[in-house]
């Protein structure tokens, strides 16, 4: 392998405004130029009402979206191999049945 074909060394640095948060709702919006992932918290104040409070939007290039899709697919497969199949249906009947966002 020639020196120019070696992978560059990668350093991960967290910026001062780095933060972590939890989301149980992800909406995907697609345009010609990018993918937008909108993360939020879904809650149910009443059996027939769900409120989603969006708190973060992340834009990805189509290439990064595909790389994320590949990485998530591999990791979900490993998770299911270790812990069993995941069910996408809501476990609580306080949420109306329908698509998972």
N, C-alpha and C. Protein backbone atom coordinates (compact mmCIF):
# COMPACT_ATOMS: atom_id res chain seq x y z
N UNK A 1 0.85 -1.17 0.00
CA UNK A 1 0.00 0.00 0.00
C UNK A 1 0.90 1.24 0.00
N UNK A 2 0.64 2.13 -0.91
CA UNK A 2 1.46 3.34 -0.98
C UNK A 2 1.07 4.30 0.14
N UNK A 3 1.99 5.18 0.55
CA UNK A 3 1.68 6.13 1.64
C UNK A 3 0.45 6.99 1.34
N UNK A 4 0.22 7.32 0.08
CA UNK A 4 -0.93 8.17 -0.25
C UNK A 4 -2.25 7.41 -0.14
N UNK A 5 -2.22 6.06 -0.12
CA UNK A 5 -3.44 5.26 -0.02
C UNK A 5 -3.83 4.95 1.42
N UNK A 6 -2.99 5.33 2.38
CA UNK A 6 -3.30 5.08 3.78
C UNK A 6 -4.43 5.99 4.25
N UNK A 7 -5.23 5.47 5.16
CA UNK A 7 -6.31 6.28 5.73
C UNK A 7 -5.72 7.34 6.65
N UNK A 8 -6.26 8.55 6.62
CA UNK A 8 -5.76 9.58 7.53
C UNK A 8 -6.14 9.25 8.98
N UNK A 9 -5.33 9.71 9.91
CA UNK A 9 -5.65 9.55 11.32
C UNK A 9 -6.80 10.47 11.66
N UNK A 10 -7.79 9.95 12.39
CA UNK A 10 -8.97 10.74 12.74
C UNK A 10 -8.93 11.06 14.23
N UNK A 11 -9.20 12.31 14.56
CA UNK A 11 -9.29 12.74 15.94
C UNK A 11 -10.69 13.29 16.17
N UNK A 12 -11.39 12.78 17.17
CA UNK A 12 -12.73 13.26 17.51
C UNK A 12 -12.61 14.24 18.67
N UNK A 13 -13.19 15.43 18.47
CA UNK A 13 -13.14 16.48 19.48
C UNK A 13 -14.56 16.99 19.69
N UNK A 14 -14.96 17.11 20.95
CA UNK A 14 -16.27 17.67 21.25
C UNK A 14 -16.14 19.18 21.41
N UNK A 15 -16.96 19.92 20.66
CA UNK A 15 -16.94 21.37 20.74
C UNK A 15 -17.54 21.84 22.06
N UNK A 16 -17.30 23.08 22.46
CA UNK A 16 -17.86 23.57 23.73
C UNK A 16 -19.39 23.51 23.78
N UNK A 17 -20.06 23.60 22.62
CA UNK A 17 -21.52 23.55 22.62
C UNK A 17 -22.08 22.14 22.37
N UNK A 18 -21.22 21.12 22.45
CA UNK A 18 -21.67 19.73 22.30
C UNK A 18 -22.70 19.41 23.37
N UNK A 19 -23.74 18.67 22.98
CA UNK A 19 -24.76 18.24 23.93
C UNK A 19 -25.33 16.90 23.50
N UNK A 20 -25.86 16.19 24.45
CA UNK A 20 -26.56 14.94 24.18
C UNK A 20 -28.00 15.11 24.60
N UNK A 21 -28.90 14.48 23.86
CA UNK A 21 -30.31 14.51 24.24
C UNK A 21 -30.96 13.23 23.75
N UNK A 22 -32.14 12.97 24.24
CA UNK A 22 -32.90 11.75 23.92
C UNK A 22 -34.02 12.09 22.95
N UNK A 23 -34.27 11.20 22.00
CA UNK A 23 -35.40 11.36 21.08
C UNK A 23 -36.10 10.02 20.95
N UNK A 24 -37.42 10.05 20.98
CA UNK A 24 -38.20 8.85 20.68
C UNK A 24 -39.06 9.08 19.43
N UNK A 25 -38.73 10.15 18.71
CA UNK A 25 -39.38 10.46 17.44
C UNK A 25 -38.33 11.02 16.49
N UNK A 26 -38.29 10.48 15.28
CA UNK A 26 -37.41 11.01 14.23
C UNK A 26 -38.23 11.12 12.96
N UNK A 27 -38.27 12.30 12.40
CA UNK A 27 -38.93 12.52 11.12
C UNK A 27 -37.85 12.77 10.08
N UNK A 28 -38.02 12.22 8.89
CA UNK A 28 -37.04 12.38 7.82
C UNK A 28 -37.67 13.20 6.71
N UNK A 29 -36.96 14.25 6.32
CA UNK A 29 -37.39 15.10 5.21
C UNK A 29 -36.28 15.07 4.17
N UNK A 30 -36.66 14.92 2.92
CA UNK A 30 -35.68 14.72 1.85
C UNK A 30 -35.85 15.79 0.78
N UNK A 31 -34.72 16.32 0.33
CA UNK A 31 -34.72 17.22 -0.83
C UNK A 31 -33.68 16.70 -1.81
N UNK A 32 -33.55 17.37 -2.92
CA UNK A 32 -32.55 16.99 -3.92
C UNK A 32 -31.14 17.10 -3.34
N UNK A 33 -30.93 18.04 -2.43
CA UNK A 33 -29.59 18.34 -1.93
C UNK A 33 -29.23 17.65 -0.63
N UNK A 34 -30.24 17.35 0.21
CA UNK A 34 -29.89 16.81 1.52
C UNK A 34 -31.05 16.06 2.17
N UNK A 35 -30.72 15.41 3.27
CA UNK A 35 -31.69 14.75 4.12
C UNK A 35 -31.73 15.54 5.43
N UNK A 36 -32.91 15.75 5.96
CA UNK A 36 -33.04 16.43 7.24
C UNK A 36 -33.67 15.45 8.22
N UNK A 37 -32.99 15.22 9.35
CA UNK A 37 -33.51 14.38 10.42
C UNK A 37 -33.97 15.31 11.53
N UNK A 38 -35.25 15.24 11.88
CA UNK A 38 -35.82 16.09 12.91
C UNK A 38 -36.12 15.20 14.12
N UNK A 39 -35.44 15.48 15.23
CA UNK A 39 -35.55 14.67 16.44
C UNK A 39 -36.48 15.36 17.43
N UNK A 40 -37.28 14.57 18.12
CA UNK A 40 -38.19 15.12 19.11
C UNK A 40 -38.58 14.11 20.16
N UNK A 41 -39.41 14.57 21.08
CA UNK A 41 -39.95 13.74 22.14
C UNK A 41 -41.45 13.62 21.94
N UNK A 42 -41.93 12.39 21.83
CA UNK A 42 -43.36 12.13 21.70
C UNK A 42 -43.91 11.79 23.07
N UNK A 43 -45.05 12.38 23.41
CA UNK A 43 -45.71 12.06 24.67
C UNK A 43 -47.21 12.07 24.43
N UNK A 44 -47.90 11.41 25.33
CA UNK A 44 -49.35 11.32 25.21
C UNK A 44 -49.99 11.88 26.46
N UNK A 45 -50.70 12.98 26.30
CA UNK A 45 -51.42 13.58 27.42
C UNK A 45 -52.81 12.98 27.57
N UNK A 46 -53.30 12.36 26.50
CA UNK A 46 -54.61 11.73 26.49
C UNK A 46 -54.53 10.50 25.57
N UNK A 47 -55.39 9.51 25.78
CA UNK A 47 -55.31 8.28 24.97
C UNK A 47 -55.40 8.51 23.47
N UNK A 48 -56.07 9.58 23.04
CA UNK A 48 -56.25 9.83 21.61
C UNK A 48 -55.42 11.00 21.10
N UNK A 49 -54.39 11.42 21.86
CA UNK A 49 -53.59 12.57 21.45
C UNK A 49 -52.11 12.33 21.71
N UNK A 50 -51.29 12.53 20.69
CA UNK A 50 -49.84 12.46 20.83
C UNK A 50 -49.27 13.83 20.48
N UNK A 51 -48.40 14.33 21.32
CA UNK A 51 -47.70 15.58 21.06
C UNK A 51 -46.24 15.27 20.84
N UNK A 52 -45.68 15.78 19.74
CA UNK A 52 -44.25 15.63 19.46
C UNK A 52 -43.62 17.00 19.57
N UNK A 53 -42.65 17.09 20.48
CA UNK A 53 -41.92 18.34 20.68
C UNK A 53 -40.55 18.20 20.03
N UNK A 54 -40.42 18.75 18.83
CA UNK A 54 -39.15 18.66 18.10
C UNK A 54 -38.11 19.56 18.77
N UNK A 55 -36.88 19.04 18.92
CA UNK A 55 -35.85 19.82 19.59
C UNK A 55 -34.55 19.92 18.82
N UNK A 56 -34.39 19.20 17.71
CA UNK A 56 -33.13 19.29 16.97
C UNK A 56 -33.35 18.82 15.54
N UNK A 57 -32.77 19.53 14.59
CA UNK A 57 -32.77 19.11 13.18
C UNK A 57 -31.32 19.00 12.73
N UNK A 58 -31.01 17.92 12.06
CA UNK A 58 -29.66 17.68 11.54
C UNK A 58 -29.79 17.46 10.03
N UNK A 59 -28.98 18.17 9.27
CA UNK A 59 -28.95 18.00 7.82
C UNK A 59 -27.76 17.10 7.46
N UNK A 60 -27.99 16.16 6.54
CA UNK A 60 -26.96 15.26 6.05
C UNK A 60 -26.94 15.30 4.53
N UNK A 61 -25.75 15.19 3.96
CA UNK A 61 -25.66 15.01 2.51
C UNK A 61 -26.22 13.64 2.18
N UNK A 62 -26.65 13.41 0.93
CA UNK A 62 -27.12 12.07 0.57
C UNK A 62 -26.07 10.99 0.85
N UNK A 63 -24.79 11.30 0.65
CA UNK A 63 -23.73 10.33 0.90
C UNK A 63 -23.65 9.99 2.39
N UNK A 64 -23.71 11.01 3.25
CA UNK A 64 -23.66 10.77 4.69
C UNK A 64 -24.92 10.04 5.16
N UNK A 65 -26.07 10.34 4.56
CA UNK A 65 -27.31 9.64 4.91
C UNK A 65 -27.18 8.15 4.58
N UNK A 66 -26.60 7.83 3.43
CA UNK A 66 -26.42 6.42 3.06
C UNK A 66 -25.41 5.74 3.98
N UNK A 67 -24.33 6.43 4.34
CA UNK A 67 -23.36 5.86 5.27
C UNK A 67 -24.01 5.61 6.63
N UNK A 68 -24.86 6.55 7.10
CA UNK A 68 -25.57 6.36 8.36
C UNK A 68 -26.51 5.17 8.27
N UNK A 69 -27.24 5.06 7.17
CA UNK A 69 -28.16 3.94 6.95
C UNK A 69 -27.41 2.61 7.02
N UNK A 70 -26.24 2.52 6.36
CA UNK A 70 -25.44 1.29 6.40
C UNK A 70 -24.99 0.98 7.82
N UNK A 71 -24.49 1.99 8.52
CA UNK A 71 -23.98 1.79 9.87
C UNK A 71 -25.11 1.40 10.83
N UNK A 72 -26.25 2.06 10.73
CA UNK A 72 -27.38 1.71 11.59
C UNK A 72 -27.87 0.30 11.29
N UNK A 73 -27.93 -0.07 10.02
CA UNK A 73 -28.35 -1.43 9.66
C UNK A 73 -27.45 -2.49 10.26
N UNK A 74 -26.16 -2.28 10.18
CA UNK A 74 -25.21 -3.24 10.76
C UNK A 74 -25.36 -3.31 12.28
N UNK A 75 -25.50 -2.16 12.92
CA UNK A 75 -25.61 -2.14 14.38
C UNK A 75 -26.94 -2.70 14.88
N UNK A 76 -28.03 -2.43 14.17
CA UNK A 76 -29.32 -3.00 14.56
C UNK A 76 -29.28 -4.52 14.39
N UNK A 77 -28.68 -5.01 13.31
CA UNK A 77 -28.56 -6.46 13.11
C UNK A 77 -27.77 -7.10 14.25
N UNK A 78 -26.68 -6.47 14.67
CA UNK A 78 -25.89 -6.99 15.79
C UNK A 78 -26.69 -6.95 17.09
N UNK A 79 -27.43 -5.88 17.30
CA UNK A 79 -28.26 -5.75 18.50
C UNK A 79 -29.30 -6.87 18.54
N UNK A 80 -30.00 -7.07 17.40
CA UNK A 80 -31.03 -8.11 17.35
C UNK A 80 -30.43 -9.50 17.51
N UNK A 81 -29.25 -9.71 17.00
CA UNK A 81 -28.58 -11.01 17.17
C UNK A 81 -28.30 -11.26 18.66
N UNK A 82 -27.92 -10.22 19.38
CA UNK A 82 -27.59 -10.35 20.80
C UNK A 82 -28.83 -10.38 21.69
N UNK A 83 -29.85 -9.58 21.35
CA UNK A 83 -30.98 -9.38 22.27
C UNK A 83 -32.34 -9.80 21.73
N UNK A 84 -32.43 -10.20 20.48
CA UNK A 84 -33.71 -10.59 19.90
C UNK A 84 -34.27 -9.50 18.99
N UNK A 85 -35.24 -9.92 18.20
CA UNK A 85 -35.84 -9.02 17.20
C UNK A 85 -36.54 -7.85 17.85
N UNK A 86 -36.43 -6.69 17.22
CA UNK A 86 -37.11 -5.48 17.67
C UNK A 86 -38.48 -5.39 17.01
N UNK A 87 -39.48 -4.99 17.77
CA UNK A 87 -40.83 -4.80 17.27
C UNK A 87 -41.08 -3.31 17.15
N UNK A 88 -41.50 -2.83 16.00
CA UNK A 88 -41.73 -1.40 15.80
C UNK A 88 -43.11 -0.93 16.24
N UNK A 89 -43.97 -1.85 16.65
CA UNK A 89 -45.29 -1.44 17.13
C UNK A 89 -45.17 -0.87 18.54
N UNK A 90 -45.91 0.20 18.84
CA UNK A 90 -45.86 0.75 20.20
C UNK A 90 -46.29 -0.30 21.23
N UNK A 91 -45.59 -0.35 22.35
CA UNK A 91 -45.91 -1.30 23.40
C UNK A 91 -47.05 -0.79 24.28
N UNK A 92 -47.20 0.52 24.38
CA UNK A 92 -48.24 1.09 25.21
C UNK A 92 -49.49 1.33 24.37
N UNK A 93 -50.64 0.93 24.88
CA UNK A 93 -51.87 1.16 24.15
C UNK A 93 -52.41 2.57 24.36
N UNK A 94 -51.65 3.41 25.09
CA UNK A 94 -52.07 4.80 25.22
C UNK A 94 -51.79 5.58 23.95
N UNK A 95 -50.95 5.01 23.04
CA UNK A 95 -50.67 5.64 21.77
C UNK A 95 -51.56 5.00 20.71
N UNK A 96 -52.19 5.78 19.84
CA UNK A 96 -52.98 5.17 18.77
C UNK A 96 -52.08 4.40 17.82
N UNK A 97 -52.61 3.34 17.25
CA UNK A 97 -51.83 2.53 16.32
C UNK A 97 -51.64 3.34 15.04
N UNK A 98 -50.47 3.23 14.46
CA UNK A 98 -50.18 3.95 13.24
C UNK A 98 -48.69 3.89 12.97
N UNK A 99 -48.22 4.61 11.96
CA UNK A 99 -46.79 4.55 11.63
C UNK A 99 -45.93 5.15 12.72
N UNK A 100 -44.74 4.60 12.85
CA UNK A 100 -43.76 5.12 13.80
C UNK A 100 -42.96 6.20 13.09
N UNK A 101 -42.89 7.37 13.67
CA UNK A 101 -42.11 8.47 13.07
C UNK A 101 -40.69 8.43 13.58
